[in-house]
């Protein structure tokens, strides 16, 4: 490092200015982009009956696609390092917000809904004869 740290913000993000940082950033962005898409496909198949959890996976997918695609574009076209840093910070902040602030109240509300429906389902079929249908035919007396 021959310059002050803030002087690197307006240098192009290429292999000449950032030889130690460019390759790990674009390789990691590509790996995380592929991992995000695979994780989305696996988790949405597992959670297909639980709409709030699938919705959270969609939010995480699009946050990852946008963040990691922008990092790849910024590495290929040698944008200023400031843009790379802002993209990385904003993407990670969006991940944290979605996972820990946006969806926990929605998931808690959905869990309460599941608890209520399970309770009423158990109450409805608690008596053994509740599952036996009464006969509709009237018996003839002989």
N, C-alpha and C. Protein backbone atom coordinates (compact mmCIF):
# COMPACT_ATOMS: atom_id res chain seq x y z
N UNK A 1 0.85 -1.17 0.00
CA UNK A 1 0.00 0.00 0.00
C UNK A 1 0.90 1.24 0.00
N UNK A 2 0.78 1.97 -1.04
CA UNK A 2 1.57 3.19 -1.13
C UNK A 2 0.71 4.44 -0.96
N UNK A 3 -0.60 4.27 -1.05
CA UNK A 3 -1.52 5.40 -0.91
C UNK A 3 -2.27 5.30 0.41
N UNK A 4 -2.92 6.36 0.76
CA UNK A 4 -3.79 6.33 1.94
C UNK A 4 -5.01 5.46 1.62
N UNK A 5 -5.63 4.83 2.63
CA UNK A 5 -6.74 3.91 2.36
C UNK A 5 -7.88 4.53 1.56
N UNK A 6 -8.23 5.78 1.81
CA UNK A 6 -9.36 6.38 1.10
C UNK A 6 -9.00 6.79 -0.33
N UNK A 7 -7.71 6.79 -0.65
CA UNK A 7 -7.31 7.08 -2.03
C UNK A 7 -7.57 5.90 -2.97
N UNK A 8 -7.72 4.72 -2.41
CA UNK A 8 -8.01 3.54 -3.22
C UNK A 8 -9.48 3.50 -3.66
N UNK A 9 -10.34 4.28 -3.04
CA UNK A 9 -11.76 4.27 -3.40
C UNK A 9 -11.99 4.65 -4.86
N UNK A 10 -11.18 5.55 -5.40
CA UNK A 10 -11.40 6.03 -6.76
C UNK A 10 -10.40 5.46 -7.76
N UNK A 11 -9.88 4.31 -7.45
CA UNK A 11 -9.04 3.55 -8.36
C UNK A 11 -9.91 2.49 -9.03
N UNK A 12 -9.63 2.18 -10.29
CA UNK A 12 -10.44 1.12 -10.93
C UNK A 12 -10.16 -0.24 -10.29
N UNK A 13 -11.21 -1.01 -10.16
CA UNK A 13 -11.10 -2.34 -9.56
C UNK A 13 -10.65 -3.31 -10.64
N UNK A 14 -9.33 -3.40 -10.84
CA UNK A 14 -8.78 -4.30 -11.85
C UNK A 14 -7.58 -5.04 -11.27
N UNK A 15 -6.93 -5.87 -12.10
CA UNK A 15 -5.83 -6.70 -11.59
C UNK A 15 -4.55 -5.89 -11.39
N UNK A 16 -4.48 -4.70 -11.94
CA UNK A 16 -3.29 -3.87 -11.75
C UNK A 16 -3.34 -3.14 -10.41
N UNK A 17 -4.48 -2.54 -10.13
CA UNK A 17 -4.65 -1.77 -8.89
C UNK A 17 -4.89 -2.67 -7.67
N UNK A 18 -5.62 -3.77 -7.86
CA UNK A 18 -5.98 -4.67 -6.77
C UNK A 18 -5.63 -6.12 -7.14
N UNK A 19 -4.35 -6.45 -7.25
CA UNK A 19 -3.98 -7.80 -7.71
C UNK A 19 -4.36 -8.89 -6.71
N UNK A 20 -4.39 -8.59 -5.44
CA UNK A 20 -4.71 -9.61 -4.43
C UNK A 20 -6.20 -9.75 -4.19
N UNK A 21 -6.98 -8.80 -4.62
CA UNK A 21 -8.40 -8.76 -4.25
C UNK A 21 -9.34 -9.10 -5.40
N UNK A 22 -8.94 -8.84 -6.62
CA UNK A 22 -9.85 -9.00 -7.76
C UNK A 22 -10.29 -10.45 -7.95
N UNK A 23 -9.36 -11.35 -8.06
CA UNK A 23 -9.71 -12.76 -8.33
C UNK A 23 -10.55 -13.37 -7.22
N UNK A 24 -10.19 -13.22 -5.95
CA UNK A 24 -11.06 -13.79 -4.92
C UNK A 24 -12.48 -13.20 -4.92
N UNK A 25 -12.61 -11.92 -5.23
CA UNK A 25 -13.94 -11.30 -5.22
C UNK A 25 -14.80 -11.85 -6.33
N UNK A 26 -14.29 -11.92 -7.56
CA UNK A 26 -15.16 -12.37 -8.64
C UNK A 26 -15.41 -13.88 -8.57
N UNK A 27 -14.43 -14.66 -8.11
CA UNK A 27 -14.65 -16.10 -7.96
C UNK A 27 -15.68 -16.36 -6.86
N UNK A 28 -15.54 -15.68 -5.73
CA UNK A 28 -16.49 -15.85 -4.64
C UNK A 28 -17.90 -15.38 -5.03
N UNK A 29 -17.98 -14.29 -5.79
CA UNK A 29 -19.29 -13.80 -6.25
C UNK A 29 -19.94 -14.82 -7.17
N UNK A 30 -19.17 -15.43 -8.06
CA UNK A 30 -19.72 -16.43 -8.96
C UNK A 30 -20.16 -17.68 -8.20
N UNK A 31 -19.34 -18.14 -7.27
CA UNK A 31 -19.69 -19.33 -6.47
C UNK A 31 -20.93 -19.06 -5.64
N UNK A 32 -21.01 -17.90 -5.00
CA UNK A 32 -22.17 -17.58 -4.17
C UNK A 32 -23.43 -17.37 -5.00
N UNK A 33 -23.29 -16.88 -6.22
CA UNK A 33 -24.44 -16.73 -7.10
C UNK A 33 -25.02 -18.10 -7.47
N UNK A 34 -24.15 -19.02 -7.84
CA UNK A 34 -24.60 -20.38 -8.16
C UNK A 34 -25.18 -21.06 -6.92
N UNK A 35 -24.51 -20.91 -5.78
CA UNK A 35 -24.99 -21.52 -4.53
C UNK A 35 -26.36 -20.94 -4.13
N UNK A 36 -26.56 -19.66 -4.36
CA UNK A 36 -27.84 -19.03 -4.02
C UNK A 36 -28.98 -19.61 -4.85
N UNK A 37 -28.74 -19.81 -6.14
CA UNK A 37 -29.77 -20.37 -7.01
C UNK A 37 -30.07 -21.82 -6.64
N UNK A 38 -29.03 -22.60 -6.36
CA UNK A 38 -29.23 -24.00 -5.96
C UNK A 38 -29.97 -24.07 -4.62
N UNK A 39 -29.55 -23.26 -3.67
CA UNK A 39 -30.20 -23.24 -2.36
C UNK A 39 -31.68 -22.85 -2.48
N UNK A 40 -31.97 -21.88 -3.33
CA UNK A 40 -33.36 -21.47 -3.54
C UNK A 40 -34.19 -22.64 -4.07
N UNK A 41 -33.67 -23.34 -5.07
CA UNK A 41 -34.42 -24.46 -5.66
C UNK A 41 -34.65 -25.57 -4.65
N UNK A 42 -33.65 -25.89 -3.87
CA UNK A 42 -33.79 -26.96 -2.87
C UNK A 42 -34.77 -26.55 -1.77
N UNK A 43 -34.60 -25.36 -1.22
CA UNK A 43 -35.43 -24.93 -0.09
C UNK A 43 -36.89 -24.70 -0.49
N UNK A 44 -37.15 -24.19 -1.68
CA UNK A 44 -38.54 -23.97 -2.06
C UNK A 44 -39.26 -25.28 -2.31
N UNK A 45 -38.54 -26.30 -2.75
CA UNK A 45 -39.19 -27.62 -2.88
C UNK A 45 -39.49 -28.22 -1.51
N UNK A 46 -38.60 -28.00 -0.55
CA UNK A 46 -38.83 -28.53 0.79
C UNK A 46 -39.95 -27.79 1.50
N UNK A 47 -40.08 -26.49 1.26
CA UNK A 47 -41.02 -25.66 2.01
C UNK A 47 -42.22 -25.22 1.18
N UNK A 48 -42.56 -25.96 0.13
CA UNK A 48 -43.59 -25.51 -0.81
C UNK A 48 -44.95 -25.28 -0.15
N UNK A 49 -45.22 -25.93 0.96
CA UNK A 49 -46.52 -25.77 1.63
C UNK A 49 -46.55 -24.59 2.60
N UNK A 50 -45.41 -23.98 2.84
CA UNK A 50 -45.31 -22.90 3.82
C UNK A 50 -44.96 -21.60 3.10
N UNK A 51 -45.98 -20.86 2.74
CA UNK A 51 -45.83 -19.67 1.90
C UNK A 51 -44.90 -18.60 2.46
N UNK A 52 -44.95 -18.27 3.75
CA UNK A 52 -44.02 -17.24 4.25
C UNK A 52 -42.54 -17.64 4.13
N UNK A 53 -42.25 -18.91 4.31
CA UNK A 53 -40.86 -19.36 4.20
C UNK A 53 -40.39 -19.35 2.74
N UNK A 54 -41.28 -19.70 1.83
CA UNK A 54 -40.94 -19.62 0.40
C UNK A 54 -40.74 -18.16 0.00
N UNK A 55 -41.57 -17.29 0.53
CA UNK A 55 -41.44 -15.87 0.24
C UNK A 55 -40.09 -15.33 0.73
N UNK A 56 -39.67 -15.76 1.91
CA UNK A 56 -38.37 -15.33 2.42
C UNK A 56 -37.24 -15.84 1.52
N UNK A 57 -37.36 -17.07 1.03
CA UNK A 57 -36.35 -17.60 0.13
C UNK A 57 -36.28 -16.80 -1.17
N UNK A 58 -37.44 -16.33 -1.65
CA UNK A 58 -37.45 -15.49 -2.85
C UNK A 58 -36.73 -14.17 -2.61
N UNK A 59 -36.99 -13.56 -1.46
CA UNK A 59 -36.31 -12.31 -1.12
C UNK A 59 -34.80 -12.52 -1.06
N UNK A 60 -34.38 -13.63 -0.43
CA UNK A 60 -32.95 -13.91 -0.34
C UNK A 60 -32.36 -14.21 -1.71
N UNK A 61 -33.13 -14.90 -2.56
CA UNK A 61 -32.65 -15.19 -3.91
C UNK A 61 -32.37 -13.91 -4.68
N UNK A 62 -33.35 -13.01 -4.71
CA UNK A 62 -33.18 -11.81 -5.51
C UNK A 62 -32.13 -10.87 -4.92
N UNK A 63 -32.00 -10.86 -3.62
CA UNK A 63 -30.92 -10.08 -3.01
C UNK A 63 -29.57 -10.63 -3.44
N UNK A 64 -29.43 -11.94 -3.42
CA UNK A 64 -28.17 -12.57 -3.84
C UNK A 64 -27.89 -12.39 -5.32
N UNK A 65 -28.91 -12.57 -6.14
CA UNK A 65 -28.71 -12.42 -7.59
C UNK A 65 -28.26 -11.00 -7.92
N UNK A 66 -28.91 -10.01 -7.34
CA UNK A 66 -28.55 -8.62 -7.61
C UNK A 66 -27.15 -8.31 -7.09
N UNK A 67 -26.87 -8.67 -5.85
CA UNK A 67 -25.57 -8.34 -5.25
C UNK A 67 -24.42 -9.02 -5.98
N UNK A 68 -24.52 -10.32 -6.18
CA UNK A 68 -23.40 -11.05 -6.76
C UNK A 68 -23.25 -10.75 -8.25
N UNK A 69 -24.34 -10.51 -8.95
CA UNK A 69 -24.24 -10.11 -10.36
C UNK A 69 -23.58 -8.74 -10.50
N UNK A 70 -23.95 -7.82 -9.63
CA UNK A 70 -23.31 -6.51 -9.66
C UNK A 70 -21.82 -6.60 -9.36
N UNK A 71 -21.45 -7.45 -8.42
CA UNK A 71 -20.02 -7.62 -8.12
C UNK A 71 -19.27 -8.18 -9.33
N UNK A 72 -19.89 -9.13 -10.03
CA UNK A 72 -19.25 -9.66 -11.24
C UNK A 72 -19.12 -8.60 -12.32
N UNK A 73 -20.16 -7.82 -12.52
CA UNK A 73 -20.12 -6.75 -13.52
C UNK A 73 -19.07 -5.71 -13.16
N UNK A 74 -19.01 -5.34 -11.89
CA UNK A 74 -18.02 -4.35 -11.46
C UNK A 74 -16.60 -4.87 -11.59
N UNK A 75 -16.40 -6.16 -11.42
CA UNK A 75 -15.05 -6.73 -11.58
C UNK A 75 -14.67 -6.81 -13.06
N UNK A 76 -15.61 -7.17 -13.91
CA UNK A 76 -15.31 -7.30 -15.34
C UNK A 76 -15.05 -5.94 -15.98
N UNK A 77 -15.84 -4.94 -15.64
CA UNK A 77 -15.73 -3.64 -16.29
C UNK A 77 -14.90 -2.62 -15.50
N UNK A 78 -14.19 -3.07 -14.48
CA UNK A 78 -13.24 -2.25 -13.72
C UNK A 78 -13.85 -0.95 -13.21
N UNK A 79 -14.92 -1.07 -12.45
CA UNK A 79 -15.52 0.11 -11.82
C UNK A 79 -14.61 0.57 -10.68
N UNK A 80 -14.91 1.75 -10.18
CA UNK A 80 -14.16 2.22 -9.02
C UNK A 80 -14.39 1.28 -7.84
N UNK A 81 -13.37 1.14 -7.02
CA UNK A 81 -13.46 0.26 -5.85
C UNK A 81 -14.56 0.71 -4.89
N UNK A 82 -14.86 1.98 -4.88
CA UNK A 82 -15.93 2.50 -4.02
C UNK A 82 -17.26 1.83 -4.34
N UNK A 83 -17.55 1.65 -5.63
CA UNK A 83 -18.80 1.00 -6.02
C UNK A 83 -18.82 -0.47 -5.59
N UNK A 84 -17.68 -1.13 -5.69
CA UNK A 84 -17.60 -2.53 -5.26
C UNK A 84 -17.86 -2.62 -3.76
N UNK A 85 -17.27 -1.75 -3.01
CA UNK A 85 -17.43 -1.74 -1.56
C UNK A 85 -18.88 -1.42 -1.16
N UNK A 86 -19.47 -0.42 -1.81
CA UNK A 86 -20.87 -0.06 -1.51
C UNK A 86 -21.81 -1.20 -1.87
N UNK A 87 -21.58 -1.85 -3.01
CA UNK A 87 -22.41 -2.98 -3.41
C UNK A 87 -22.32 -4.11 -2.40
N UNK A 88 -21.13 -4.42 -1.97
CA UNK A 88 -20.94 -5.50 -1.00
C UNK A 88 -21.61 -5.17 0.33
N UNK A 89 -21.43 -3.97 0.82
CA UNK A 89 -22.03 -3.58 2.10
C UNK A 89 -23.55 -3.54 2.01
N UNK A 90 -24.08 -2.97 0.92
CA UNK A 90 -25.54 -2.89 0.75
C UNK A 90 -26.16 -4.28 0.59
N UNK A 91 -25.50 -5.16 -0.15
CA UNK A 91 -26.02 -6.52 -0.34
C UNK A 91 -26.05 -7.30 0.96
N UNK A 92 -24.97 -7.22 1.73
CA UNK A 92 -24.94 -7.93 3.01
C UNK A 92 -25.92 -7.34 4.01
N UNK A 93 -26.08 -6.02 3.98
CA UNK A 93 -27.07 -5.38 4.86
C UNK A 93 -28.49 -5.81 4.47
N UNK A 94 -28.75 -5.95 3.19
CA UNK A 94 -30.08 -6.40 2.75
C UNK A 94 -30.33 -7.84 3.19
N UNK A 95 -29.30 -8.69 3.09
CA UNK A 95 -29.43 -10.07 3.59
C UNK A 95 -29.80 -10.09 5.07
N UNK A 96 -29.08 -9.33 5.86
CA UNK A 96 -29.33 -9.29 7.30
C UNK A 96 -30.73 -8.76 7.58
N UNK A 97 -31.14 -7.70 6.87
CA UNK A 97 -32.47 -7.12 7.09
C UNK A 97 -33.57 -8.11 6.75
N UNK A 98 -33.44 -8.79 5.61
CA UNK A 98 -34.47 -9.76 5.19
C UNK A 98 -34.56 -10.89 6.19
N UNK A 99 -33.43 -11.45 6.56
CA UNK A 99 -33.44 -12.66 7.40
C UNK A 99 -33.77 -12.38 8.86
N UNK A 100 -33.33 -11.26 9.40
CA UNK A 100 -33.47 -11.04 10.84
C UNK A 100 -34.45 -9.94 11.23
N UNK A 101 -34.92 -9.14 10.29
CA UNK A 101 -35.85 -8.06 10.64
C UNK A 101 -37.16 -8.13 9.88
N UNK A 102 -37.12 -8.44 8.59
CA UNK A 102 -38.33 -8.41 7.78
C UNK A 102 -39.21 -9.63 8.03
N UNK A 103 -38.64 -10.82 8.06
CA UNK A 103 -39.45 -12.04 8.10
C UNK A 103 -39.69 -12.68 9.46
N UNK A 104 -38.92 -12.45 10.50
CA UNK A 104 -39.26 -13.09 11.78
C UNK A 104 -40.67 -12.78 12.29
N UNK A 105 -41.19 -11.55 12.19
CA UNK A 105 -42.59 -11.35 12.62
C UNK A 105 -43.59 -12.11 11.75
N UNK A 106 -43.32 -12.19 10.46
CA UNK A 106 -44.22 -12.92 9.55
C UNK A 106 -44.18 -14.40 9.87
N UNK A 107 -43.01 -14.94 10.13
CA UNK A 107 -42.88 -16.36 10.46
C UNK A 107 -43.51 -16.66 11.81
N UNK A 108 -43.37 -15.77 12.78
CA UNK A 108 -44.01 -15.97 14.09
C UNK A 108 -45.53 -15.98 13.95
N UNK A 109 -46.06 -15.09 13.14
CA UNK A 109 -47.51 -15.06 12.91
C UNK A 109 -47.97 -16.34 12.21
N UNK A 110 -47.19 -16.82 11.26
CA UNK A 110 -47.53 -18.05 10.57
C UNK A 110 -47.46 -19.25 11.51
N UNK A 111 -46.47 -19.28 12.40
CA UNK A 111 -46.39 -20.37 13.39
C UNK A 111 -47.59 -20.36 14.32
N UNK A 112 -48.04 -19.18 14.70
CA UNK A 112 -49.24 -19.08 15.54
C UNK A 112 -50.46 -19.61 14.80
N UNK A 113 -50.57 -19.29 13.53
CA UNK A 113 -51.67 -19.80 12.70
C UNK A 113 -51.62 -21.33 12.64
N UNK A 114 -50.43 -21.90 12.44
CA UNK A 114 -50.30 -23.36 12.41
C UNK A 114 -50.67 -23.98 13.75
N UNK A 115 -50.27 -23.34 14.85
CA UNK A 115 -50.61 -23.84 16.17
C UNK A 115 -52.12 -23.86 16.38
N UNK A 116 -52.78 -22.77 15.98
CA UNK A 116 -54.24 -22.70 16.14
C UNK A 116 -54.94 -23.76 15.30
N UNK A 117 -54.55 -23.91 14.06
CA UNK A 117 -55.21 -24.91 13.21
C UNK A 117 -54.95 -26.32 13.72
N UNK A 118 -53.76 -26.59 14.22
CA UNK A 118 -53.46 -27.91 14.77
C UNK A 118 -54.31 -28.17 16.02
N UNK A 119 -54.47 -27.15 16.86
CA UNK A 119 -55.27 -27.30 18.07
C UNK A 119 -56.73 -27.59 17.72
N UNK A 120 -57.29 -26.83 16.80
CA UNK A 120 -58.69 -27.04 16.45
C UNK A 120 -58.89 -28.37 15.74
N UNK A 121 -57.91 -28.80 14.98
CA UNK A 121 -57.99 -30.10 14.32
C UNK A 121 -57.97 -31.22 15.35
N UNK A 122 -57.13 -31.08 16.36
CA UNK A 122 -57.08 -32.10 17.41
C UNK A 122 -58.37 -32.10 18.22
N UNK A 123 -58.92 -30.92 18.49
CA UNK A 123 -60.15 -30.84 19.26
C UNK A 123 -61.32 -31.45 18.49
N UNK A 124 -61.31 -31.26 17.19
CA UNK A 124 -62.41 -31.77 16.36
C UNK A 124 -62.43 -33.29 16.36
N UNK A 125 -61.25 -33.92 16.32
CA UNK A 125 -61.18 -35.37 16.23
C UNK A 125 -60.75 -36.02 17.54
N UNK A 126 -60.96 -35.35 18.64
CA UNK A 126 -60.52 -35.89 19.93
C UNK A 126 -61.36 -37.10 20.35
N UNK A 127 -62.66 -37.02 20.16
CA UNK A 127 -63.54 -38.13 20.51
C UNK A 127 -63.40 -39.21 19.44
N UNK A 128 -63.30 -40.49 19.84
CA UNK A 128 -63.07 -41.57 18.87
C UNK A 128 -64.16 -41.69 17.81
N UNK A 129 -65.39 -41.37 18.16
CA UNK A 129 -66.48 -41.53 17.20
C UNK A 129 -66.63 -40.32 16.28
N UNK A 130 -65.79 -39.35 16.44
CA UNK A 130 -65.89 -38.15 15.60
C UNK A 130 -65.52 -38.44 14.15
N UNK A 131 -64.74 -39.48 13.93
CA UNK A 131 -64.33 -39.80 12.56
C UNK A 131 -65.27 -40.78 11.88
N UNK A 132 -66.22 -41.32 12.61
CA UNK A 132 -67.17 -42.27 12.03
C UNK A 132 -68.40 -41.51 11.56
N UNK A 133 -68.72 -41.70 10.31
CA UNK A 133 -69.89 -41.01 9.77
C UNK A 133 -71.15 -41.72 10.21
N UNK A 134 -72.13 -40.94 10.61
CA UNK A 134 -73.40 -41.58 10.96
C UNK A 134 -74.08 -42.10 9.70
N UNK A 135 -74.79 -43.17 9.87
CA UNK A 135 -75.48 -43.77 8.73
C UNK A 135 -76.64 -42.87 8.32
N UNK A 136 -76.84 -42.73 7.04
CA UNK A 136 -77.92 -41.85 6.55
C UNK A 136 -79.18 -42.64 6.26
N UNK A 137 -79.05 -43.92 6.10
CA UNK A 137 -80.25 -44.72 5.83
C UNK A 137 -81.00 -45.01 7.12
N UNK A 138 -82.28 -44.97 6.99
CA UNK A 138 -83.09 -45.35 8.14
C UNK A 138 -83.37 -46.85 8.04
N UNK A 139 -83.22 -47.49 9.12
CA UNK A 139 -83.48 -48.93 9.13
C UNK A 139 -84.97 -49.18 9.20
N UNK A 140 -85.38 -50.14 8.44
CA UNK A 140 -86.78 -50.53 8.49
C UNK A 140 -86.99 -51.53 9.62
N UNK A 141 -88.04 -51.34 10.26
CA UNK A 141 -88.35 -52.32 11.30
C UNK A 141 -89.19 -53.42 10.67
N UNK A 142 -88.85 -54.64 10.95
CA UNK A 142 -89.57 -55.78 10.36
C UNK A 142 -90.44 -56.46 11.35
